[in-house]
C-alpha atoms as a PDB file:
ATOM      1  CA  MET A   1      28.588   8.612  26.465  1.00  0.00           C
ATOM      2  CA  SER A   2      26.041  10.224  23.790  1.00  0.00           C
ATOM      3  CA  GLY A   3      22.502  11.475  24.972  1.00  0.00           C
ATOM      4  CA  ILE A   4      21.560  11.611  21.223  1.00  0.00           C
ATOM      5  CA  LEU A   5      20.575   9.422  19.477  1.00  0.00           C
ATOM      6  CA  GLN A   6      20.161  10.629  15.721  1.00  0.00           C
ATOM      7  CA  PHE A   7      18.539   9.667  12.516  1.00  0.00           C
ATOM      8  CA  PHE A   8      18.526  11.314   8.926  1.00  0.00           C
ATOM      9  CA  VAL A   9      15.378  10.727   6.818  1.00  0.00           C
ATOM     10  CA  GLN A  10      14.727  10.671   3.443  1.00  0.00           C
ATOM     11  CA  TYR A  11      11.843  10.548   1.190  1.00  0.00           C
ATOM     12  CA  GLU A  12      12.250   8.515  -1.938  1.00  0.00           C
ATOM     13  CA  ASP A  13      10.004   6.568  -4.284  1.00  0.00           C
ATOM     14  CA  GLY A  14       6.731   6.845  -2.203  1.00  0.00           C
ATOM     15  CA  ALA A  15       8.259   6.049   0.972  1.00  0.00           C
ATOM     16  CA  TYR A  16      10.750   7.633   3.828  1.00  0.00           C
ATOM     17  CA  THR A  17      13.206   5.906   5.080  1.00  0.00           C
ATOM     18  CA  ALA A  18      15.319   6.650   8.490  1.00  0.00           C
ATOM     19  CA  SER A  19      19.136   5.504   9.120  1.00  0.00           C
ATOM     20  CA  ALA A  20      20.381   6.391  12.601  1.00  0.00           C
ATOM     21  CA  ILE A  21      23.730   7.954  12.101  1.00  0.00           C
ATOM     22  CA  ASN A  22      25.131   6.586  15.666  1.00  0.00           C
ATOM     23  CA  ALA A  23      23.741   3.540  15.729  1.00  0.00           C
ATOM     24  CA  PRO A  24      23.276   0.215  13.239  1.00  0.00           C
ATOM     25  CA  ILE A  25      19.263   0.936  13.007  1.00  0.00           C
ATOM     26  CA  ALA A  26      17.399   1.521  10.095  1.00  0.00           C
ATOM     27  CA  THR A  27      13.859   1.625   9.227  1.00  0.00           C
ATOM     28  CA  PHE A  28      11.179   2.658   6.414  1.00  0.00           C
ATOM     29  CA  GLY A  29       7.442   3.726   6.200  1.00  0.00           C
ATOM     30  CA  ARG A  30       4.967   4.666   3.910  1.00  0.00           C
ATOM     31  CA  THR A  31       3.914   7.443   5.828  1.00  0.00           C
ATOM     32  CA  PHE A  32       5.653   9.826   8.360  1.00  0.00           C
ATOM     33  CA  GLU A  33       3.465   8.457  10.984  1.00  0.00           C
ATOM     34  CA  GLU A  34       4.281   4.984  10.153  1.00  0.00           C
ATOM     35  CA  LEU A  35       7.957   6.067  10.003  1.00  0.00           C
ATOM     36  CA  GLN A  36       7.757   7.709  13.226  1.00  0.00           C
ATOM     37  CA  ALA A  37       6.332   4.131  14.781  1.00  0.00           C
ATOM     38  CA  ASN A  38       8.621   2.104  13.176  1.00  0.00           C
ATOM     39  CA  ILE A  39      11.581   4.139  14.319  1.00  0.00           C
ATOM     40  CA  THR A  40      10.452   4.012  17.944  1.00  0.00           C
ATOM     41  CA  ASP A  41      10.038   0.366  17.607  1.00  0.00           C
ATOM     42  CA  ALA A  42      13.835  -0.275  15.898  1.00  0.00           C
ATOM     43  CA  ILE A  43      15.019   1.748  18.849  1.00  0.00           C
ATOM     44  CA  ALA A  44      13.225  -0.600  21.235  1.00  0.00           C
ATOM     45  CA  VAL A  45      14.666  -3.615  19.355  1.00  0.00           C
ATOM     46  CA  PHE A  46      17.895  -2.196  19.605  1.00  0.00           C
ATOM     47  CA  PHE A  47      17.994  -1.142  22.983  1.00  0.00           C
ATOM     48  CA  LYS A  48      16.459  -4.539  24.555  1.00  0.00           C
ATOM     49  CA  ASP A  49      18.084  -6.484  26.729  1.00  0.00           C
ATOM     50  CA  GLU A  50      21.308  -4.449  26.476  1.00  0.00           C
ATOM     51  CA  ASP A  51      22.478  -1.978  29.212  1.00  0.00           C
ATOM     52  CA  PRO A  52      22.401   1.606  26.881  1.00  0.00           C
ATOM     53  CA  ALA A  53      25.879   2.951  28.555  1.00  0.00           C
ATOM     54  CA  SER A  54      27.467  -0.296  27.059  1.00  0.00           C
ATOM     55  CA  LEU A  55      25.971   0.394  23.506  1.00  0.00           C
ATOM     56  CA  GLY A  56      27.464   4.341  24.422  1.00  0.00           C
ATOM     57  CA  PHE A  57      24.128   6.022  25.078  1.00  0.00           C
ATOM     58  CA  ALA A  58      23.090   7.911  27.967  1.00  0.00           C
ATOM     59  CA  ARG A  59      20.093   5.683  29.949  1.00  0.00           C
ATOM     60  CA  PHE A  60      17.317   7.885  28.236  1.00  0.00           C
ATOM     61  CA  PRO A  61      18.873   9.022  25.167  1.00  0.00           C
ATOM     62  CA  SER A  62      16.926  12.081  23.086  1.00  0.00           C
ATOM     63  CA  VAL A  63      15.828  10.899  19.602  1.00  0.00           C
ATOM     64  CA  LEU A  64      16.895  13.939  17.159  1.00  0.00           C
ATOM     65  CA  VAL A  65      15.538  13.233  13.509  1.00  0.00           C
ATOM     66  CA  ASN A  66      16.651  15.334  10.667  1.00  0.00           C
ATOM     67  CA  PHE A  67      15.142  15.632   6.990  1.00  0.00           C
ATOM     68  CA  GLU A  68      16.118  15.918   3.557  1.00  0.00           C
ATOM     69  CA  LEU A  69      14.055  18.743   1.648  1.00  0.00           C
ATOM     70  CA  PRO A  70      13.961  18.106  -2.077  1.00  0.00           C
ATOM     71  CA  ILE A  71      15.347  20.912  -4.208  1.00  0.00           C
ATOM     72  CA  ILE A  72      11.619  21.989  -5.613  1.00  0.00           C
ATOM     73  CA  ALA A  73      10.773  22.755  -1.648  1.00  0.00           C
ATOM     74  CA  TYR A  74      12.889  25.768  -1.287  1.00  0.00           C
ATOM     75  CA  GLY A  75      12.375  27.530  -4.693  1.00  0.00           C
ATOM     76  CA  ASN A  76      13.235  27.088  -8.479  1.00  0.00           C
ATOM     77  CA  ASN A  77      16.074  29.427  -8.076  1.00  0.00           C
ATOM     78  CA  GLU A  78      18.741  28.034 -10.649  1.00  0.00           C
ATOM     79  CA  GLN A  79      21.431  29.244  -8.914  1.00  0.00           C
ATOM     80  CA  SER A  80      20.389  26.605  -5.808  1.00  0.00           C
ATOM     81  CA  ARG A  81      20.676  23.760  -7.895  1.00  0.00           C
END
């Protein structure tokens, strides 16, 4: 049973996308704030009328979000490419 619902977030083409790593959940938002709200809504829909334990999750799983930073965010060092 997992106590964490984990998402991977990317920013491409003017929008953020979030995909759960350990559940079939995905959403997007044009701003980070919109993405946060959409992740919350998507989680609510996923668990609606379901026992989280039957889906392999703790009753109230934590939500962990990982971000991919573009290469420019951490420097222009040619060795880092």
